[in-house]
C-alpha cells in the first residue's frame, strides 16, 4: 500500500474513533499548560492532573512561582517522576518568564525551548494547544505507532516528527497528535500488543514491526 493511501486510511479511522479531542492535561491558560506539560515527563497525565490543582492554586502565575523555593514546589509534586528536578525547573522557568517575557508565556518555539526544563516536544505542545499553531509534537506513543505503521524508520524522535509532518497535511497535525496518543493508549500499547486485533496495526504494520518499540 502506498504511503498516501495508508495515511488517508489512518486519518479516516482516527476520525471515526476520536471525532473530537481535548488536551488530556488540565489547564486554564498558556502558563498552566506549560507547567503541566513540563510535569508530564516520566509520569502519567492522570498523576499530573492530581497534583496541579493544588500547585495552580498556590502558584497561579509566574510571579508567585518565582518567589517559591524548589523544596516548597517539591512538596506538592513529590509523587511525580523526576520531581526534584522538575521543582527546580519550574521555579527557574518562572523567573525567566518574568525577566525576559514580562511574566507571559512566549508564543515562539525558540523562546520556549530556552526555558528551563522545556524541550522541543513540550514547546511544540504549548505552541499547538495554547496558541493554535500547527505542530506535531512526538511523544513515546506517537514515536512507537509511527514506526509500527511504517510511517517512519524509528531512528529518532526528531526523524519521526519530520516524517509525520511530510506525510500528513499541516491542518491535521495538532488534532492527529492527540488522536494518535489516545489510540496508542487504548489500542496499541507498548507491551502485550495484539497486532491482529488492532484497528490499524492489523493492516498497516509490516510483520517485523507488529510487536516491540523503536529506538528512543
N, C-alpha and C. Protein backbone atom coordinates (compact mmCIF):
# COMPACT_ATOMS: atom_id res chain seq x y z
N UNK A 1 0.84 -1.20 0.00
CA UNK A 1 0.00 0.00 0.00
C UNK A 1 0.88 1.25 0.00
N UNK A 2 0.59 2.19 -0.86
CA UNK A 2 1.35 3.43 -0.91
C UNK A 2 1.13 4.23 0.36
N UNK A 3 2.15 5.01 0.74
CA UNK A 3 2.07 5.78 1.99
C UNK A 3 0.89 6.74 1.97
N UNK A 4 0.58 7.35 0.83
CA UNK A 4 -0.54 8.29 0.75
C UNK A 4 -1.86 7.59 1.06
N UNK A 5 -2.03 6.36 0.52
CA UNK A 5 -3.25 5.60 0.81
C UNK A 5 -3.30 5.21 2.28
N UNK A 6 -2.17 4.76 2.78
CA UNK A 6 -2.10 4.34 4.19
C UNK A 6 -2.44 5.51 5.13
N UNK A 7 -1.82 6.66 4.88
CA UNK A 7 -2.05 7.80 5.76
C UNK A 7 -3.50 8.26 5.70
N UNK A 8 -4.10 8.23 4.52
CA UNK A 8 -5.51 8.64 4.38
C UNK A 8 -6.42 7.70 5.17
N UNK A 9 -6.13 6.41 5.10
CA UNK A 9 -6.95 5.44 5.82
C UNK A 9 -6.76 5.59 7.33
N UNK A 10 -5.54 5.87 7.77
CA UNK A 10 -5.28 6.10 9.19
C UNK A 10 -6.09 7.29 9.69
N UNK A 11 -6.08 8.37 8.94
CA UNK A 11 -6.85 9.55 9.31
C UNK A 11 -8.33 9.21 9.40
N UNK A 12 -8.83 8.45 8.46
CA UNK A 12 -10.24 8.07 8.46
C UNK A 12 -10.61 7.27 9.71
N UNK A 13 -9.75 6.33 10.09
CA UNK A 13 -10.02 5.51 11.28
C UNK A 13 -9.95 6.34 12.55
N UNK A 14 -8.94 7.19 12.65
CA UNK A 14 -8.80 8.03 13.84
C UNK A 14 -9.95 9.02 13.97
N UNK A 15 -10.42 9.55 12.85
CA UNK A 15 -11.56 10.46 12.88
C UNK A 15 -12.82 9.74 13.35
N UNK A 16 -12.98 8.49 12.96
CA UNK A 16 -14.15 7.72 13.38
C UNK A 16 -14.09 7.41 14.88
N UNK A 17 -12.88 7.12 15.38
CA UNK A 17 -12.73 6.77 16.79
C UNK A 17 -12.73 8.00 17.69
N UNK A 18 -12.11 9.09 17.22
CA UNK A 18 -11.94 10.29 18.04
C UNK A 18 -12.32 11.53 17.23
N UNK A 19 -13.61 11.72 16.96
CA UNK A 19 -14.02 12.87 16.14
C UNK A 19 -13.74 14.21 16.82
N UNK A 20 -13.79 14.22 18.14
CA UNK A 20 -13.43 15.42 18.89
C UNK A 20 -12.40 15.02 19.95
N UNK A 21 -11.40 15.84 20.12
CA UNK A 21 -10.34 15.54 21.10
C UNK A 21 -10.04 16.79 21.91
N UNK A 22 -9.72 16.58 23.16
CA UNK A 22 -9.34 17.69 24.04
C UNK A 22 -8.00 17.35 24.69
N UNK A 23 -7.18 18.33 24.97
CA UNK A 23 -5.90 18.06 25.63
C UNK A 23 -6.12 17.31 26.94
N UNK A 24 -5.34 16.27 27.21
CA UNK A 24 -5.56 15.46 28.41
C UNK A 24 -5.06 16.10 29.70
N UNK A 25 -4.25 17.15 29.60
CA UNK A 25 -3.73 17.80 30.80
C UNK A 25 -4.60 19.00 31.16
N UNK A 26 -5.08 19.02 32.38
CA UNK A 26 -5.95 20.11 32.84
C UNK A 26 -5.14 21.40 32.94
N UNK A 27 -5.70 22.48 32.41
CA UNK A 27 -5.04 23.79 32.46
C UNK A 27 -6.08 24.85 32.12
N UNK A 28 -5.73 26.11 32.34
CA UNK A 28 -6.68 27.18 32.01
C UNK A 28 -6.04 28.37 31.31
N UNK A 29 -4.75 28.30 31.05
CA UNK A 29 -4.09 29.35 30.29
C UNK A 29 -2.73 28.82 29.83
N UNK A 30 -2.00 29.58 28.99
CA UNK A 30 -0.71 29.08 28.50
C UNK A 30 0.27 28.74 29.60
N UNK A 31 0.28 29.51 30.69
CA UNK A 31 1.22 29.23 31.77
C UNK A 31 0.93 27.89 32.44
N UNK A 32 -0.33 27.65 32.79
CA UNK A 32 -0.65 26.38 33.45
C UNK A 32 -0.47 25.20 32.50
N UNK A 33 -0.68 25.41 31.21
CA UNK A 33 -0.41 24.34 30.25
C UNK A 33 1.08 24.03 30.19
N UNK A 34 1.89 25.07 30.13
CA UNK A 34 3.34 24.89 30.09
C UNK A 34 3.81 24.11 31.32
N UNK A 35 3.32 24.48 32.48
CA UNK A 35 3.71 23.78 33.72
C UNK A 35 3.26 22.32 33.67
N UNK A 36 2.03 22.08 33.25
CA UNK A 36 1.51 20.72 33.22
C UNK A 36 2.28 19.83 32.25
N UNK A 37 2.60 20.36 31.09
CA UNK A 37 3.34 19.56 30.11
C UNK A 37 4.75 19.26 30.61
N UNK A 38 5.39 20.24 31.23
CA UNK A 38 6.71 20.00 31.81
C UNK A 38 6.64 18.89 32.85
N UNK A 39 5.60 18.90 33.66
CA UNK A 39 5.46 17.90 34.72
C UNK A 39 5.15 16.50 34.18
N UNK A 40 4.65 16.42 32.97
CA UNK A 40 4.17 15.14 32.45
C UNK A 40 5.27 14.18 32.02
N UNK A 41 6.51 14.64 31.96
CA UNK A 41 7.61 13.75 31.58
C UNK A 41 7.79 12.66 32.63
N UNK A 42 7.96 11.43 32.17
CA UNK A 42 8.22 10.28 33.04
C UNK A 42 7.11 10.04 34.06
N UNK A 43 5.88 10.39 33.71
CA UNK A 43 4.74 10.11 34.57
C UNK A 43 3.49 10.13 33.71
N UNK A 44 2.33 9.92 34.30
CA UNK A 44 1.09 9.87 33.52
C UNK A 44 0.34 11.19 33.62
N UNK A 45 -0.48 11.45 32.61
CA UNK A 45 -1.32 12.66 32.65
C UNK A 45 -2.25 12.63 33.85
N UNK A 46 -2.73 11.45 34.19
CA UNK A 46 -3.64 11.32 35.34
C UNK A 46 -2.95 11.77 36.62
N UNK A 47 -1.70 11.37 36.81
CA UNK A 47 -0.97 11.79 38.00
C UNK A 47 -0.74 13.30 38.00
N UNK A 48 -0.42 13.85 36.84
CA UNK A 48 -0.20 15.30 36.76
C UNK A 48 -1.48 16.03 37.13
N UNK A 49 -2.61 15.58 36.62
CA UNK A 49 -3.88 16.24 36.91
C UNK A 49 -4.28 16.13 38.38
N UNK A 50 -3.69 15.20 39.09
CA UNK A 50 -3.98 15.07 40.52
C UNK A 50 -3.21 16.09 41.36
N UNK A 51 -2.04 16.51 40.87
CA UNK A 51 -1.22 17.43 41.67
C UNK A 51 -1.36 18.89 41.24
N UNK A 52 -1.75 19.12 39.98
CA UNK A 52 -1.77 20.51 39.51
C UNK A 52 -2.84 21.40 40.15
N UNK A 53 -4.01 20.89 40.58
CA UNK A 53 -4.95 21.82 41.23
C UNK A 53 -4.34 22.52 42.44
N UNK A 54 -3.65 21.79 43.29
CA UNK A 54 -3.01 22.41 44.44
C UNK A 54 -1.87 23.32 44.01
N UNK A 55 -1.10 22.89 43.01
CA UNK A 55 0.02 23.69 42.53
C UNK A 55 -0.46 25.01 41.94
N UNK A 56 -1.50 24.95 41.11
CA UNK A 56 -2.01 26.16 40.46
C UNK A 56 -2.71 27.08 41.45
N UNK A 57 -3.31 26.50 42.48
CA UNK A 57 -3.97 27.33 43.50
C UNK A 57 -2.94 28.15 44.28
N UNK A 58 -1.78 27.54 44.53
CA UNK A 58 -0.75 28.22 45.30
C UNK A 58 0.12 29.11 44.42
N UNK A 59 0.34 28.69 43.17
CA UNK A 59 1.20 29.44 42.26
C UNK A 59 0.47 29.64 40.93
N UNK A 60 -0.50 30.54 40.89
CA UNK A 60 -1.31 30.71 39.68
C UNK A 60 -0.62 31.47 38.55
N UNK A 61 0.50 32.11 38.86
CA UNK A 61 1.16 32.99 37.90
C UNK A 61 2.67 32.90 38.13
N UNK A 62 3.48 33.19 37.13
CA UNK A 62 4.92 33.16 37.34
C UNK A 62 5.40 34.02 38.50
N UNK A 63 4.68 35.09 38.82
CA UNK A 63 5.09 35.97 39.92
C UNK A 63 5.18 35.21 41.23
N UNK A 64 4.16 34.42 41.53
CA UNK A 64 4.14 33.64 42.78
C UNK A 64 5.16 32.50 42.73
N UNK A 65 5.23 31.82 41.58
CA UNK A 65 6.12 30.67 41.48
C UNK A 65 7.59 31.08 41.56
N UNK A 66 7.93 32.23 41.01
CA UNK A 66 9.31 32.70 41.04
C UNK A 66 9.79 32.99 42.46
N UNK A 67 8.87 33.26 43.37
CA UNK A 67 9.22 33.57 44.75
C UNK A 67 9.29 32.32 45.62
N UNK A 68 8.92 31.18 45.06
CA UNK A 68 8.90 29.94 45.83
C UNK A 68 10.30 29.34 45.90
N UNK A 69 10.50 28.50 46.89
CA UNK A 69 11.69 27.67 46.97
C UNK A 69 11.39 26.33 46.31
N UNK A 70 12.36 25.74 45.61
CA UNK A 70 12.11 24.44 44.98
C UNK A 70 11.55 23.40 45.96
N UNK A 71 11.98 23.45 47.21
CA UNK A 71 11.50 22.48 48.21
C UNK A 71 10.00 22.63 48.44
N UNK A 72 9.49 23.87 48.36
CA UNK A 72 8.06 24.08 48.54
C UNK A 72 7.26 23.49 47.37
N UNK A 73 7.79 23.66 46.16
CA UNK A 73 7.13 23.08 44.99
C UNK A 73 7.22 21.56 45.05
N UNK A 74 8.36 21.06 45.49
CA UNK A 74 8.56 19.62 45.58
C UNK A 74 7.55 18.95 46.48
N UNK A 75 7.17 19.61 47.57
CA UNK A 75 6.19 19.04 48.49
C UNK A 75 4.86 18.75 47.78
N UNK A 76 4.54 19.52 46.78
CA UNK A 76 3.26 19.35 46.07
C UNK A 76 3.37 18.29 44.97
N UNK A 77 4.52 18.25 44.30
CA UNK A 77 4.64 17.37 43.12
C UNK A 77 5.46 16.12 43.41
N UNK A 78 5.73 15.83 44.67
CA UNK A 78 6.67 14.77 45.05
C UNK A 78 6.34 13.42 44.42
N UNK A 79 5.06 13.12 44.21
CA UNK A 79 4.67 11.80 43.70
C UNK A 79 5.00 11.61 42.22
N UNK A 80 5.36 12.67 41.52
CA UNK A 80 5.67 12.57 40.10
C UNK A 80 7.11 12.15 39.87
N UNK A 81 7.36 11.51 38.76
CA UNK A 81 8.71 11.13 38.39
C UNK A 81 9.59 12.35 38.20
N UNK A 82 10.85 12.24 38.58
CA UNK A 82 11.83 13.34 38.45
C UNK A 82 11.39 14.60 39.19
N UNK A 83 10.65 14.45 40.27
CA UNK A 83 10.07 15.60 40.96
C UNK A 83 11.09 16.62 41.43
N UNK A 84 12.22 16.24 42.04
CA UNK A 84 13.18 17.27 42.49
C UNK A 84 13.70 18.14 41.34
N UNK A 85 14.01 17.50 40.23
CA UNK A 85 14.50 18.24 39.06
C UNK A 85 13.40 19.15 38.51
N UNK A 86 12.19 18.64 38.45
CA UNK A 86 11.08 19.43 37.92
C UNK A 86 10.79 20.64 38.80
N UNK A 87 10.89 20.48 40.12
CA UNK A 87 10.64 21.59 41.04
C UNK A 87 11.63 22.73 40.79
N UNK A 88 12.89 22.38 40.60
CA UNK A 88 13.90 23.40 40.31
C UNK A 88 13.62 24.07 38.96
N UNK A 89 13.28 23.27 37.96
CA UNK A 89 12.99 23.82 36.64
C UNK A 89 11.83 24.81 36.70
N UNK A 90 10.78 24.47 37.44
CA UNK A 90 9.60 25.33 37.48
C UNK A 90 9.91 26.69 38.10
N UNK A 91 10.66 26.69 39.18
CA UNK A 91 11.00 27.96 39.82
C UNK A 91 11.87 28.81 38.89
N UNK A 92 12.87 28.19 38.28
CA UNK A 92 13.75 28.93 37.37
C UNK A 92 13.01 29.37 36.11
N UNK A 93 12.10 28.54 35.64
CA UNK A 93 11.28 28.90 34.48
C UNK A 93 10.46 30.15 34.77
N UNK A 94 9.84 30.18 35.94
CA UNK A 94 9.02 31.34 36.31
C UNK A 94 9.88 32.61 36.38
N UNK A 95 11.08 32.49 36.91
CA UNK A 95 11.97 33.65 37.00
C UNK A 95 12.33 34.18 35.61
N UNK A 96 12.60 33.26 34.68
CA UNK A 96 12.95 33.69 33.32
C UNK A 96 11.75 34.30 32.59
N UNK A 97 10.56 33.78 32.85
CA UNK A 97 9.37 34.37 32.24
C UNK A 97 9.21 35.83 32.69
N UNK A 98 9.51 36.09 33.94
CA UNK A 98 9.41 37.45 34.44
C UNK A 98 10.53 38.33 33.88
N UNK A 99 11.74 37.78 33.81
CA UNK A 99 12.89 38.57 33.36
C UNK A 99 12.85 38.87 31.87
N UNK A 100 12.41 37.90 31.08
CA UNK A 100 12.52 38.03 29.62
C UNK A 100 11.19 38.32 28.92
N UNK A 101 10.07 37.92 29.54
CA UNK A 101 8.80 37.97 28.82
C UNK A 101 7.67 38.63 29.61
N UNK A 102 8.01 39.47 30.57
CA UNK A 102 7.02 40.20 31.36
C UNK A 102 5.99 39.27 32.01
N UNK A 103 6.42 38.08 32.34
CA UNK A 103 5.55 37.14 33.02
C UNK A 103 4.59 36.39 32.12
N UNK A 104 4.73 36.56 30.82
CA UNK A 104 3.86 35.88 29.86
C UNK A 104 4.60 34.75 29.17
N UNK A 105 3.86 33.70 28.82
CA UNK A 105 4.45 32.60 28.06
C UNK A 105 4.62 33.05 26.62
N UNK A 106 5.81 33.01 26.07
CA UNK A 106 6.01 33.49 24.70
C UNK A 106 5.40 32.54 23.67
N UNK A 107 4.78 33.12 22.66
CA UNK A 107 4.21 32.32 21.57
C UNK A 107 5.26 32.15 20.49
N UNK A 108 6.40 31.61 20.89
CA UNK A 108 7.53 31.46 20.00
C UNK A 108 8.27 30.18 20.37
N UNK A 109 8.44 29.29 19.41
CA UNK A 109 9.02 27.97 19.70
C UNK A 109 10.43 28.08 20.24
N UNK A 110 11.26 28.89 19.61
CA UNK A 110 12.65 29.02 20.05
C UNK A 110 12.74 29.61 21.46
N UNK A 111 11.91 30.60 21.75
CA UNK A 111 11.92 31.21 23.08
C UNK A 111 11.46 30.22 24.14
N UNK A 112 10.50 29.40 23.81
CA UNK A 112 10.03 28.39 24.76
C UNK A 112 11.13 27.37 25.05
N UNK A 113 11.85 26.97 24.02
CA UNK A 113 12.89 25.96 24.19
C UNK A 113 14.06 26.46 25.01
N UNK A 114 14.16 27.77 25.20
CA UNK A 114 15.23 28.33 26.03
C UNK A 114 14.89 28.30 27.52
N UNK A 115 13.65 27.98 27.85
CA UNK A 115 13.24 27.95 29.25
C UNK A 115 13.70 26.66 29.92
N UNK A 116 14.02 26.70 31.21
CA UNK A 116 14.49 25.51 31.92
C UNK A 116 13.48 24.37 31.87
N UNK A 117 13.94 23.18 31.52
CA UNK A 117 13.09 22.00 31.52
C UNK A 117 12.17 21.89 30.33
N UNK A 118 12.24 22.82 29.40
CA UNK A 118 11.34 22.82 28.24
C UNK A 118 12.10 22.35 27.01
N UNK A 119 11.78 21.15 26.56
CA UNK A 119 12.38 20.63 25.35
C UNK A 119 11.50 20.90 24.15
N UNK A 120 11.89 20.34 23.02
CA UNK A 120 11.17 20.61 21.78
C UNK A 120 9.74 20.11 21.84
N UNK A 121 9.53 18.92 22.41
CA UNK A 121 8.17 18.37 22.46
C UNK A 121 7.26 19.24 23.32
N UNK A 122 7.74 19.63 24.49
CA UNK A 122 6.95 20.48 25.38
C UNK A 122 6.62 21.80 24.71
N UNK A 123 7.62 22.41 24.08
CA UNK A 123 7.39 23.68 23.40
C UNK A 123 6.38 23.52 22.27
N UNK A 124 6.46 22.42 21.54
CA UNK A 124 5.52 22.18 20.44
C UNK A 124 4.10 22.00 20.93
N UNK A 125 3.93 21.31 22.05
CA UNK A 125 2.59 21.14 22.63
C UNK A 125 2.00 22.49 22.99
N UNK A 126 2.80 23.35 23.61
CA UNK A 126 2.32 24.67 24.01
C UNK A 126 1.96 25.50 22.78
N UNK A 127 2.79 25.47 21.77
CA UNK A 127 2.50 26.22 20.55
C UNK A 127 1.20 25.75 19.92
N UNK A 128 0.97 24.45 19.95
CA UNK A 128 -0.24 23.89 19.33
C UNK A 128 -1.48 24.15 20.16
N UNK A 129 -1.42 23.79 21.45
CA UNK A 129 -2.63 23.79 22.27
C UNK A 129 -2.92 25.14 22.92
N UNK A 130 -1.91 25.93 23.16
CA UNK A 130 -2.14 27.24 23.78
C UNK A 130 -2.30 28.35 22.75
N UNK A 131 -1.58 28.22 21.62
CA UNK A 131 -1.56 29.31 20.65
C UNK A 131 -2.11 28.94 19.29
N UNK A 132 -2.57 27.71 19.13
CA UNK A 132 -3.22 27.32 17.88
C UNK A 132 -2.31 27.25 16.68
N UNK A 133 -1.00 27.10 16.92
CA UNK A 133 -0.05 27.00 15.82
C UNK A 133 0.11 25.54 15.39
N UNK A 134 0.24 25.30 14.10
CA UNK A 134 0.39 23.94 13.59
C UNK A 134 1.69 23.33 14.12
N UNK A 135 1.57 22.18 14.76
CA UNK A 135 2.74 21.47 15.29
C UNK A 135 2.38 20.00 15.42
N UNK A 136 3.39 19.15 15.37
CA UNK A 136 3.16 17.71 15.51
C UNK A 136 4.11 17.19 16.59
N UNK A 137 3.83 17.49 17.86
CA UNK A 137 4.69 17.02 18.94
C UNK A 137 4.72 15.49 18.95
N UNK A 138 5.89 14.92 19.13
CA UNK A 138 6.04 13.46 19.12
C UNK A 138 6.42 12.99 20.51
N UNK A 139 5.52 12.24 21.14
CA UNK A 139 5.83 11.61 22.42
C UNK A 139 6.11 10.13 22.17
N UNK A 140 6.25 9.35 23.24
CA UNK A 140 6.60 7.94 23.06
C UNK A 140 5.51 7.16 22.33
N UNK A 141 4.24 7.50 22.59
CA UNK A 141 3.14 6.82 21.89
C UNK A 141 3.25 7.05 20.38
N UNK A 142 3.39 8.31 19.99
CA UNK A 142 3.41 8.66 18.57
C UNK A 142 4.66 8.08 17.90
N UNK A 143 5.80 8.14 18.57
CA UNK A 143 7.04 7.59 18.04
C UNK A 143 6.88 6.09 17.77
N UNK A 144 6.28 5.39 18.72
CA UNK A 144 6.09 3.94 18.59
C UNK A 144 5.12 3.61 17.47
N UNK A 145 4.01 4.31 17.40
CA UNK A 145 3.00 3.99 16.40
C UNK A 145 3.44 4.35 15.00
N UNK A 146 4.13 5.47 14.84
CA UNK A 146 4.62 5.83 13.51
C UNK A 146 5.57 4.76 12.98
N UNK A 147 6.37 4.20 13.87
CA UNK A 147 7.28 3.11 13.49
C UNK A 147 6.50 1.85 13.16
N UNK A 148 5.57 1.48 14.03
CA UNK A 148 4.79 0.27 13.79
C UNK A 148 4.00 0.33 12.49
N UNK A 149 3.53 1.51 12.16
CA UNK A 149 2.70 1.67 10.96
C UNK A 149 3.53 1.87 9.70
N UNK A 150 4.84 1.88 9.84
CA UNK A 150 5.70 2.05 8.67
C UNK A 150 5.73 3.46 8.14
N UNK A 151 5.41 4.45 8.98
CA UNK A 151 5.43 5.84 8.55
C UNK A 151 6.77 6.51 8.82
N UNK A 152 7.62 5.87 9.64
CA UNK A 152 8.95 6.38 9.93
C UNK A 152 9.84 5.20 10.28
N UNK A 153 11.15 5.40 10.17
CA UNK A 153 12.06 4.29 10.44
C UNK A 153 12.39 4.11 11.91
N UNK A 154 11.88 4.99 12.77
CA UNK A 154 12.09 4.85 14.20
C UNK A 154 13.48 5.19 14.67
N UNK A 155 14.28 5.81 13.81
CA UNK A 155 15.67 6.09 14.18
C UNK A 155 15.80 7.14 15.27
N UNK A 156 14.85 8.07 15.33
CA UNK A 156 14.88 9.11 16.36
C UNK A 156 13.53 9.80 16.41
N UNK A 157 13.26 10.43 17.53
CA UNK A 157 12.02 11.19 17.67
C UNK A 157 11.99 12.35 16.67
N UNK A 158 13.14 12.98 16.48
CA UNK A 158 13.23 14.09 15.53
C UNK A 158 12.88 13.63 14.12
N UNK A 159 13.40 12.48 13.73
CA UNK A 159 13.11 11.95 12.40
C UNK A 159 11.64 11.61 12.25
N UNK A 160 11.05 11.04 13.31
CA UNK A 160 9.63 10.71 13.28
C UNK A 160 8.78 11.96 13.07
N UNK A 161 9.12 13.03 13.78
CA UNK A 161 8.38 14.28 13.62
C UNK A 161 8.47 14.78 12.18
N UNK A 162 9.66 14.75 11.61
CA UNK A 162 9.83 15.21 10.23
C UNK A 162 9.03 14.35 9.26
N UNK A 163 9.06 13.03 9.47
CA UNK A 163 8.33 12.12 8.58
C UNK A 163 6.83 12.34 8.66
N UNK A 164 6.30 12.52 9.87
CA UNK A 164 4.86 12.72 10.04
C UNK A 164 4.42 14.06 9.44
N UNK A 165 5.26 15.07 9.61
CA UNK A 165 4.91 16.38 9.04
C UNK A 165 4.88 16.32 7.51
N UNK A 166 5.72 15.49 6.93
CA UNK A 166 5.70 15.32 5.47
C UNK A 166 4.52 14.45 5.02
N UNK A 167 4.09 13.54 5.88
CA UNK A 167 3.06 12.57 5.49
C UNK A 167 1.65 13.15 5.56
N UNK A 168 1.38 13.95 6.58
CA UNK A 168 0.02 14.45 6.81
C UNK A 168 -0.06 15.95 6.52
N UNK A 169 -1.25 16.37 6.11
CA UNK A 169 -1.46 17.79 5.82
C UNK A 169 -1.30 18.62 7.09
N UNK A 170 -0.76 19.80 6.91
CA UNK A 170 -0.44 20.69 8.03
C UNK A 170 -1.65 20.97 8.93
N UNK A 171 -2.82 21.14 8.32
CA UNK A 171 -4.01 21.47 9.11
C UNK A 171 -4.48 20.31 9.99
N UNK A 172 -3.92 19.11 9.79
CA UNK A 172 -4.30 17.94 10.58
C UNK A 172 -3.35 17.68 11.75
N UNK A 173 -2.20 18.33 11.75
CA UNK A 173 -1.14 17.95 12.69
C UNK A 173 -1.58 17.98 14.15
N UNK A 174 -2.15 19.09 14.59
CA UNK A 174 -2.45 19.26 16.02
C UNK A 174 -3.49 18.25 16.49
N UNK A 175 -4.51 18.00 15.68
CA UNK A 175 -5.54 17.04 16.06
C UNK A 175 -4.99 15.62 16.02
N UNK A 176 -4.22 15.30 14.98
CA UNK A 176 -3.64 13.96 14.87
C UNK A 176 -2.72 13.66 16.04
N UNK A 177 -2.00 14.66 16.50
CA UNK A 177 -1.14 14.47 17.67
C UNK A 177 -1.93 13.88 18.83
N UNK A 178 -3.09 14.45 19.12
CA UNK A 178 -3.92 13.95 20.22
C UNK A 178 -4.59 12.63 19.86
N UNK A 179 -5.08 12.51 18.65
CA UNK A 179 -5.76 11.27 18.25
C UNK A 179 -4.83 10.06 18.35
N UNK A 180 -3.59 10.22 17.90
CA UNK A 180 -2.65 9.10 17.94
C UNK A 180 -2.29 8.75 19.38
N UNK A 181 -2.15 9.76 20.24
CA UNK A 181 -1.88 9.49 21.65
C UNK A 181 -3.00 8.66 22.26
N UNK A 182 -4.24 9.08 22.04
CA UNK A 182 -5.37 8.34 22.60
C UNK A 182 -5.45 6.93 22.01
N UNK A 183 -5.19 6.81 20.72
CA UNK A 183 -5.21 5.50 20.08
C UNK A 183 -4.14 4.59 20.68
N UNK A 184 -2.95 5.12 20.88
CA UNK A 184 -1.87 4.33 21.45
C UNK A 184 -2.21 3.81 22.83
N UNK A 185 -2.85 4.62 23.63
CA UNK A 185 -3.21 4.21 24.99
C UNK A 185 -4.29 3.13 24.99
N UNK A 186 -5.24 3.26 24.08
CA UNK A 186 -6.40 2.36 24.10
C UNK A 186 -6.23 1.11 23.23
N UNK A 187 -5.49 1.22 22.14
CA UNK A 187 -5.45 0.11 21.18
C UNK A 187 -4.05 -0.41 20.87
N UNK A 188 -3.01 0.35 21.18
CA UNK A 188 -1.69 -0.01 20.67
C UNK A 188 -0.62 0.18 21.74
N UNK A 189 -0.69 -0.55 22.86
CA UNK A 189 0.26 -0.37 23.95
C UNK A 189 1.64 -0.89 23.59
N UNK A 190 2.61 -0.48 24.37
CA UNK A 190 3.99 -0.90 24.13
C UNK A 190 4.16 -2.39 24.38
N UNK A 191 3.45 -2.91 25.37
CA UNK A 191 3.59 -4.32 25.74
C UNK A 191 2.28 -5.06 25.54
N UNK A 192 2.41 -6.37 25.35
CA UNK A 192 1.24 -7.26 25.19
C UNK A 192 0.31 -6.76 24.10
N UNK A 193 0.89 -6.25 23.05
CA UNK A 193 0.08 -5.73 21.95
C UNK A 193 -0.33 -6.86 21.02
N UNK A 194 -1.63 -6.94 20.73
CA UNK A 194 -2.15 -7.94 19.80
C UNK A 194 -2.39 -7.26 18.45
N UNK A 195 -1.40 -7.36 17.58
CA UNK A 195 -1.45 -6.61 16.33
C UNK A 195 -2.66 -6.97 15.48
N UNK A 196 -3.05 -8.25 15.47
CA UNK A 196 -4.15 -8.68 14.62
C UNK A 196 -5.49 -8.12 15.09
N UNK A 197 -5.57 -7.71 16.36
CA UNK A 197 -6.80 -7.13 16.89
C UNK A 197 -6.80 -5.61 16.83
N UNK A 198 -5.69 -5.02 16.42
CA UNK A 198 -5.56 -3.56 16.41
C UNK A 198 -6.22 -3.00 15.15
N UNK A 199 -7.05 -1.97 15.28
CA UNK A 199 -7.74 -1.40 14.12
C UNK A 199 -6.82 -0.86 13.03
N UNK A 200 -5.57 -0.55 13.39
CA UNK A 200 -4.63 -0.03 12.38
C UNK A 200 -3.47 -0.99 12.15
N UNK A 201 -2.84 -1.48 13.21
CA UNK A 201 -1.69 -2.37 13.03
C UNK A 201 -2.04 -3.62 12.24
N UNK A 202 -3.28 -4.08 12.36
CA UNK A 202 -3.69 -5.31 11.69
C UNK A 202 -3.50 -5.27 10.18
N UNK A 203 -3.51 -4.06 9.62
CA UNK A 203 -3.33 -3.95 8.16
C UNK A 203 -2.17 -3.04 7.77
N UNK A 204 -1.77 -2.13 8.68
CA UNK A 204 -0.75 -1.14 8.32
C UNK A 204 0.66 -1.54 8.68
N UNK A 205 0.83 -2.42 9.67
CA UNK A 205 2.17 -2.72 10.17
C UNK A 205 2.87 -3.78 9.36
N UNK A 206 4.11 -3.52 8.97
CA UNK A 206 4.95 -4.62 8.45
C UNK A 206 5.08 -5.67 9.55
N UNK A 207 5.13 -6.94 9.20
CA UNK A 207 5.15 -8.00 10.22
C UNK A 207 6.29 -7.84 11.21
N UNK A 208 7.41 -7.34 10.74
CA UNK A 208 8.57 -7.18 11.61
C UNK A 208 8.37 -6.11 12.67
N UNK A 209 7.31 -5.28 12.51
CA UNK A 209 7.11 -4.17 13.45
C UNK A 209 5.82 -4.30 14.25
N UNK A 210 5.16 -5.42 14.18
CA UNK A 210 3.88 -5.54 14.87
C UNK A 210 4.04 -5.63 16.37
N UNK A 211 5.22 -5.98 16.83
CA UNK A 211 5.50 -6.02 18.25
C UNK A 211 6.71 -5.14 18.55
N UNK A 212 6.90 -4.81 19.80
CA UNK A 212 8.09 -4.07 20.19
C UNK A 212 7.97 -2.59 19.96
N UNK A 213 9.10 -1.92 20.14
CA UNK A 213 9.15 -0.46 20.05
C UNK A 213 10.40 -0.04 19.31
N UNK A 214 10.39 1.16 18.73
CA UNK A 214 11.57 1.67 18.02
C UNK A 214 12.60 2.21 18.98
N UNK A 215 13.68 2.73 18.44
CA UNK A 215 14.68 3.38 19.26
C UNK A 215 14.09 4.64 19.88
N UNK A 216 14.59 5.02 21.05
CA UNK A 216 14.13 6.25 21.68
C UNK A 216 15.25 7.26 21.71
